[in-house]
Amino acid sequence: MDLGEVNHQRIKTNGIWLHVVEKGSGPLVLLLHGFPEFWYSWRHQITFLANHGYHVVAPDLRGYGDSDSPLSPNSYTLLHVVGDLVGLLDYFGEQQVFVVGHDWGANIAWHLSLFRPDRLKGLIAISVPYFPRDPVAKPIDFFRGNFGDEFYISQFQEPGRAERAFARYDYLTVMKKFLLINKTDPLIAPSGMEIIDYLQTPAVLPPWITEEELQVYADKFEESGFTGPLNYYRAMDLNWELSAPWQGAKVTVPTKHIVGDKEIGFDAYGTREYVQGDTFKGLVPDLEVVILEGHHFIHEERAHEVSQEILTFLQKLSVD
């Protein structure tokens, strides 16, 4: 994948330095990556959108890549990360932007829309829909109660545990285990097994990614480590406590949700029915749902189709 010329810079925002990649000129489109990725996961979309007249900005979120990585898990709440992004928008002098997020980036984009709808022209959330805050159950209690202690999020809670398990493998193998997941059931390890041991390492790469691209991920995570990324999971209960003021609030920003039909748990969790049903539409009134053939990292697996879906949405809102 030839990215061509991109501009790298570090920007001070919300008390930390974020590394940002940008390309193109025009309306600003903010691309938010997920776990375990960094700005590079958007390599296909960066060039595509820049070539179609947009100023594309793809940060490494706090804890990732070349951005600062605060030590405490309590520094990784949605309020912290949304604060980082509002600071980025201020730095670029943009009052309103388009935001595209995948995985954790989608969750962050949903909450940017919830906390600061005045700053968004439109939202594209990939792979992860908006789930409302449960008024009673904290997330980790919910996950443990429904999926057990060997569910990946349950295992990620204890500081250092997942890092030690990951360290038994080289970084390229860890990347392959996560980025090439084709399981559709919930990620639950057998009793007594670490999730990284449970995930398989495919013998043959799929056609949408190369060994060289996977090595780019491996090299970056070898530099930055996994603790920052895992801290997002360790702040989930704190997110629940801090987001109480938005209990029952709706996402009013115009939204497109893109998801693969083989997304993890898409059928097992009942996600398919949820995203196609009235409850989701009630929470996100201005909503379009697109289901493509593909898995979790669909913005890479089906890069051109996802880029095209993003572009048509941006163009539609620009006309409106």
Protein backbone atom coordinates (compact mmCIF):
# COMPACT_ATOMS: atom_id res chain seq x y z
CA MET A 1 0.00 0.00 0.00
CA ASP A 2 1.61 3.24 -1.16
CA LEU A 3 0.65 6.05 1.20
CA GLY A 4 2.64 8.65 -0.69
CA GLU A 5 3.57 11.77 1.22
CA VAL A 6 1.94 12.16 4.64
CA ASN A 7 2.69 14.80 7.24
CA HIS A 8 3.69 13.59 10.73
CA GLN A 9 3.49 15.90 13.72
CA ARG A 10 3.11 15.83 17.49
CA ILE A 11 0.44 18.08 18.93
CA LYS A 12 0.02 19.11 22.59
CA THR A 13 -3.57 18.57 23.69
CA ASN A 14 -5.24 18.00 27.05
CA GLY A 15 -1.88 17.84 28.83
CA ILE A 16 -0.28 15.17 26.60
CA TRP A 17 1.40 14.94 23.19
CA LEU A 18 -0.45 13.11 20.42
CA HIS A 19 1.23 11.92 17.25
CA VAL A 20 -0.90 12.73 14.21
CA VAL A 21 -0.66 11.85 10.53
CA GLU A 22 -2.40 14.14 8.04
CA LYS A 23 -2.85 14.34 4.31
CA GLY A 24 -4.89 16.40 1.87
CA SER A 25 -6.85 19.62 2.13
CA GLY A 26 -10.55 20.38 2.43
CA PRO A 27 -13.13 19.50 5.10
CA LEU A 28 -11.48 17.75 8.04
CA VAL A 29 -12.09 14.00 8.53
CA LEU A 30 -10.82 12.58 11.82
CA LEU A 31 -9.97 8.84 11.70
CA LEU A 32 -9.89 6.99 15.05
CA HIS A 33 -8.24 3.57 15.21
CA GLY A 34 -9.04 0.66 17.53
CA PHE A 35 -7.25 -2.15 19.39
CA PRO A 36 -4.54 -3.23 18.69
CA GLU A 37 -3.74 -0.75 15.93
CA PHE A 38 -2.48 2.82 15.41
CA TRP A 39 -2.85 5.45 12.69
CA TYR A 40 -1.51 2.99 10.10
CA SER A 41 -4.75 0.99 10.16
CA TRP A 42 -6.28 3.79 8.06
CA ARG A 43 -3.55 3.68 5.37
CA HIS A 44 -6.10 2.83 2.65
CA GLN A 45 -8.63 5.48 3.67
CA ILE A 46 -6.06 8.26 4.22
CA THR A 47 -4.97 8.31 0.58
CA PHE A 48 -8.46 7.66 -0.80
CA LEU A 49 -10.13 10.48 1.13
CA ALA A 50 -7.26 12.92 0.57
CA ASN A 51 -7.51 12.25 -3.17
CA HIS A 52 -11.23 13.08 -3.00
CA GLY A 53 -10.76 16.52 -1.48
CA TYR A 54 -10.61 15.99 2.29
CA HIS A 55 -8.11 16.97 4.99
CA VAL A 56 -7.54 13.62 6.69
CA VAL A 57 -6.22 13.55 10.25
CA ALA A 58 -5.38 10.19 11.86
CA PRO A 59 -3.97 10.34 15.41
CA ASP A 60 -2.35 7.63 17.44
CA LEU A 61 -4.74 7.65 20.39
CA ARG A 62 -3.22 8.16 23.85
CA GLY A 63 -1.27 5.04 24.86
CA TYR A 64 -0.61 4.03 21.26
CA GLY A 65 2.18 4.41 18.74
CA ASP A 66 4.15 7.64 19.04
CA SER A 67 1.64 9.39 21.33
CA ASP A 68 2.15 9.79 25.07
CA SER A 69 1.16 6.86 27.24
CA PRO A 70 0.09 7.88 30.76
CA LEU A 71 0.84 5.21 33.35
CA SER A 72 -2.47 5.01 35.24
CA PRO A 73 -5.42 3.08 33.79
CA ASN A 74 -7.58 5.86 35.23
CA SER A 75 -6.13 8.19 32.57
CA TYR A 76 -7.82 6.24 29.76
CA THR A 77 -11.48 7.10 30.24
CA LEU A 78 -13.68 8.21 27.37
CA LEU A 79 -13.70 11.70 28.90
CA HIS A 80 -9.90 11.86 28.69
CA VAL A 81 -9.78 10.64 25.10
CA VAL A 82 -12.66 12.83 23.90
CA GLY A 83 -10.86 15.72 25.59
CA ASP A 84 -7.72 14.89 23.59
CA LEU A 85 -9.74 15.01 20.37
CA VAL A 86 -11.53 18.27 21.14
CA GLY A 87 -8.06 19.74 21.68
CA LEU A 88 -7.00 18.44 18.25
CA LEU A 89 -10.01 20.08 16.60
CA ASP A 90 -9.13 23.34 18.33
CA TYR A 91 -5.51 23.03 17.18
CA PHE A 92 -6.65 22.70 13.56
CA GLY A 93 -9.12 25.56 14.02
CA GLU A 94 -12.11 23.41 13.06
CA GLN A 95 -15.44 23.99 14.74
CA GLN A 96 -17.13 20.99 13.10
CA VAL A 97 -15.64 17.87 11.50
CA PHE A 98 -16.51 14.43 10.22
CA VAL A 99 -15.40 11.55 12.47
CA VAL A 100 -14.78 7.93 11.49
CA GLY A 101 -13.98 5.36 14.19
CA HIS A 102 -13.32 1.63 14.25
CA ASP A 103 -13.51 -0.71 17.29
CA TRP A 104 -12.40 1.37 20.34
CA GLY A 105 -12.18 4.29 17.94
CA ALA A 106 -15.88 3.79 17.18
CA ASN A 107 -16.73 3.74 20.89
CA ILE A 108 -14.75 6.95 21.33
CA ALA A 109 -16.47 8.50 18.29
CA TRP A 110 -19.90 7.60 19.70
CA HIS A 111 -18.99 9.38 22.92
CA LEU A 112 -17.48 12.38 21.16
CA SER A 113 -20.89 12.63 19.47
CA LEU A 114 -22.65 12.22 22.80
CA PHE A 115 -20.50 14.68 24.77
CA ARG A 116 -19.88 17.32 22.06
CA PRO A 117 -22.43 17.03 19.23
CA ASP A 118 -21.69 20.68 18.40
CA ARG A 119 -18.27 19.66 17.05
CA LEU A 120 -19.47 16.99 14.57
CA LYS A 121 -20.94 17.23 11.08
CA GLY A 122 -21.33 13.47 10.86
CA LEU A 123 -20.20 10.18 12.39
CA ILE A 124 -19.21 6.86 10.83
CA ALA A 125 -18.84 4.04 13.36
CA ILE A 126 -17.29 0.83 12.08
CA SER A 127 -17.74 -2.60 13.71
CA VAL A 128 -18.98 -1.35 17.11
CA PRO A 129 -22.52 0.05 17.50
CA TYR A 130 -23.61 2.44 20.22
CA PHE A 131 -24.69 0.59 23.34
CA PRO A 132 -26.44 2.71 25.97
CA ARG A 133 -25.16 2.85 29.52
CA ASP A 134 -26.76 0.22 31.73
CA PRO A 135 -28.34 2.13 34.65
CA VAL A 136 -27.59 -0.71 37.08
CA ALA A 137 -24.76 -3.06 36.02
CA LYS A 138 -21.14 -2.02 35.68
CA PRO A 139 -19.58 -3.31 32.44
CA ILE A 140 -17.08 -5.75 33.97
CA ASP A 141 -19.75 -7.30 36.21
CA PHE A 142 -21.92 -7.67 33.10
CA PHE A 143 -19.13 -9.28 31.05
CA ARG A 144 -18.09 -11.65 33.83
CA GLY A 145 -21.69 -12.57 34.54
CA ASN A 146 -22.53 -13.26 30.90
CA PHE A 147 -19.23 -14.55 29.46
CA GLY A 148 -17.16 -15.61 32.47
CA ASP A 149 -13.66 -14.95 33.74
CA GLU A 150 -11.98 -16.20 30.56
CA PHE A 151 -13.71 -13.64 28.32
CA TYR A 152 -10.98 -11.47 26.81
CA ILE A 153 -12.18 -8.26 28.51
CA SER A 154 -12.32 -10.08 31.87
CA GLN A 155 -8.74 -11.29 31.38
CA PHE A 156 -7.54 -7.82 30.39
CA GLN A 157 -8.60 -6.30 33.74
CA GLU A 158 -5.64 -7.36 35.88
CA PRO A 159 -2.68 -5.02 35.25
CA GLY A 160 0.24 -6.92 33.75
CA ARG A 161 -1.55 -10.21 33.13
CA ALA A 162 -2.21 -9.86 29.41
CA GLU A 163 1.17 -8.15 28.90
CA ARG A 164 2.95 -11.17 30.42
CA ALA A 165 0.91 -13.57 28.29
CA PHE A 166 1.55 -11.59 25.09
CA ALA A 167 5.30 -11.52 25.89
CA ARG A 168 5.54 -15.28 25.34
CA TYR A 169 5.18 -14.56 21.62
CA ASP A 170 7.05 -12.32 19.23
CA TYR A 171 5.22 -9.11 18.26
CA LEU A 172 4.48 -10.26 14.72
CA THR A 173 2.70 -13.36 16.03
CA VAL A 174 0.63 -11.28 18.47
CA MET A 175 -0.42 -9.01 15.59
CA LYS A 176 -1.39 -11.99 13.43
CA LYS A 177 -3.42 -13.52 16.26
CA PHE A 178 -5.48 -10.33 16.68
CA LEU A 179 -5.65 -8.72 13.25
CA LEU A 180 -6.46 -11.96 11.42
CA ILE A 181 -9.22 -13.12 13.79
CA ASN A 182 -11.98 -14.84 11.86
CA LYS A 183 -13.91 -16.18 14.84
CA THR A 184 -17.54 -15.12 14.94
CA ASP A 185 -18.23 -16.37 18.48
CA PRO A 186 -17.38 -14.36 21.61
CA LEU A 187 -13.65 -14.37 22.43
CA ILE A 188 -13.68 -16.71 25.43
CA ALA A 189 -10.67 -18.88 26.23
CA PRO A 190 -11.05 -22.37 27.73
CA SER A 191 -10.74 -22.44 31.51
CA GLY A 192 -7.21 -21.71 32.68
CA MET A 193 -5.99 -20.56 29.25
CA GLU A 194 -4.91 -17.06 28.27
CA ILE A 195 -6.81 -15.51 25.37
CA ILE A 196 -3.58 -14.96 23.40
CA ASP A 197 -2.86 -18.71 23.63
CA TYR A 198 -6.39 -19.50 22.49
CA LEU A 199 -6.23 -17.28 19.40
CA GLN A 200 -4.80 -19.05 16.38
CA THR A 201 -1.96 -17.95 14.14
CA PRO A 202 -3.08 -18.47 10.54
CA ALA A 203 -0.58 -20.39 8.41
CA VAL A 204 -1.56 -18.44 5.30
CA LEU A 205 -2.26 -14.71 5.19
CA PRO A 206 -5.54 -13.47 3.72
CA PRO A 207 -5.21 -11.47 0.49
CA TRP A 208 -6.00 -8.11 2.12
CA ILE A 209 -2.81 -7.79 4.20
CA THR A 210 0.86 -8.52 3.65
CA GLU A 211 3.61 -9.78 5.91
CA GLU A 212 5.30 -6.38 5.49
CA GLU A 213 2.18 -4.53 6.66
CA LEU A 214 1.85 -6.81 9.69
CA GLN A 215 5.51 -6.16 10.45
CA VAL A 216 4.80 -2.39 10.54
CA TYR A 217 2.29 -3.08 13.35
CA ALA A 218 4.71 -5.42 15.11
CA ASP A 219 7.57 -2.93 15.01
CA LYS A 220 5.41 -0.12 16.39
CA PHE A 221 4.02 -2.21 19.27
CA GLU A 222 7.52 -3.42 20.09
CA GLU A 223 8.38 0.27 20.60
CA SER A 224 5.23 1.32 22.48
CA GLY A 225 4.06 -1.84 24.27
CA PHE A 226 0.54 -3.01 25.07
CA THR A 227 -0.14 -1.45 28.49
CA GLY A 228 -1.59 1.82 27.14
CA PRO A 229 -3.98 0.01 24.77
CA LEU A 230 -5.02 -2.48 27.48
CA ASN A 231 -5.67 0.39 29.91
CA TYR A 232 -8.75 1.34 27.83
CA TYR A 233 -10.32 -1.94 28.97
CA ARG A 234 -9.19 -1.34 32.56
CA ALA A 235 -11.01 2.02 32.60
CA MET A 236 -14.38 0.58 31.49
CA ASP A 237 -15.95 0.59 34.95
CA LEU A 238 -14.67 4.13 35.57
CA ASN A 239 -16.26 5.15 32.24
CA TRP A 240 -19.54 3.78 33.56
CA GLU A 241 -19.27 5.87 36.74
CA LEU A 242 -18.31 9.08 34.93
CA SER A 243 -20.88 8.82 32.14
CA ALA A 244 -23.90 8.77 34.47
CA PRO A 245 -24.89 12.36 33.54
CA TRP A 246 -25.56 11.14 29.97
CA GLN A 247 -27.85 8.32 31.08
CA GLY A 248 -30.62 8.01 28.49
CA ALA A 249 -29.11 10.59 26.14
CA LYS A 250 -29.37 10.08 22.38
CA VAL A 251 -26.74 10.44 19.67
CA THR A 252 -28.25 13.17 17.49
CA VAL A 253 -25.40 13.51 14.98
CA PRO A 254 -26.09 12.11 11.46
CA THR A 255 -24.58 8.61 11.60
CA LYS A 256 -23.63 5.69 9.38
CA HIS A 257 -22.82 2.37 11.06
CA ILE A 258 -20.76 -0.09 8.99
CA VAL A 259 -20.32 -3.67 10.17
CA GLY A 260 -19.20 -6.98 8.73
CA ASP A 261 -21.62 -9.89 8.62
CA LYS A 262 -18.91 -12.06 10.25
CA GLU A 263 -18.10 -9.53 12.99
CA ILE A 264 -17.17 -11.18 16.31
CA GLY A 265 -20.41 -12.02 18.11
CA PHE A 266 -22.55 -10.40 15.41
CA ASP A 267 -25.02 -13.26 15.59
CA ALA A 268 -23.99 -14.80 18.94
CA TYR A 269 -24.47 -11.54 20.89
CA GLY A 270 -27.70 -10.67 19.09
CA THR A 271 -25.92 -7.66 17.58
CA ARG A 272 -27.46 -8.20 14.14
CA GLU A 273 -30.98 -7.86 15.51
CA TYR A 274 -29.95 -4.88 17.62
CA VAL A 275 -28.38 -2.82 14.82
CA GLN A 276 -31.28 -3.57 12.48
CA GLY A 277 -33.95 -3.00 15.12
CA ASP A 278 -35.91 -0.12 16.61
CA THR A 279 -33.90 0.19 19.86
CA PHE A 280 -30.70 1.27 18.10
CA LYS A 281 -32.63 3.58 15.81
CA GLY A 282 -34.32 5.09 18.87
CA LEU A 283 -30.95 5.88 20.43
CA VAL A 284 -29.45 7.16 17.17
CA PRO A 285 -32.38 8.74 15.31
CA ASP A 286 -30.42 9.90 12.22
CA LEU A 287 -28.99 6.48 11.40
CA GLU A 288 -28.03 4.45 8.35
CA VAL A 289 -26.78 0.85 8.81
CA VAL A 290 -24.63 -0.90 6.21
CA ILE A 291 -23.77 -4.60 6.57
CA LEU A 292 -20.90 -5.74 4.37
CA GLU A 293 -19.41 -9.18 3.85
CA GLY A 294 -16.41 -9.37 6.17
CA HIS A 295 -14.92 -9.65 9.64
CA HIS A 296 -13.87 -7.28 12.43
CA PHE A 297 -11.08 -5.35 10.69
CA ILE A 298 -13.33 -4.66 7.76
CA HIS A 299 -11.81 -1.24 6.95
CA GLU A 300 -8.69 -3.17 5.96
CA GLU A 301 -10.27 -6.40 4.69
CA ARG A 302 -12.75 -4.56 2.46
CA ALA A 303 -10.79 -1.32 2.21
CA HIS A 304 -12.22 -0.01 -1.06
CA GLU A 305 -15.86 -0.70 -0.19
CA VAL A 306 -15.49 0.87 3.25
CA SER A 307 -13.70 3.90 1.76
CA GLN A 308 -16.51 4.27 -0.77
CA GLU A 309 -19.17 4.01 1.98
CA ILE A 310 -17.35 6.73 3.94
CA LEU A 311 -17.08 8.97 0.88
CA THR A 312 -20.74 8.68 -0.15
CA PHE A 313 -21.79 9.60 3.40
CA LEU A 314 -19.47 12.61 3.53
CA GLN A 315 -20.66 13.78 0.12
CA LYS A 316 -24.32 13.33 1.09
CA LEU A 317 -23.88 15.45 4.23
CA SER A 318 -21.93 18.07 2.31
CA VAL A 319 -24.84 18.42 -0.12
CA ASP A 320 -27.39 18.51 2.71
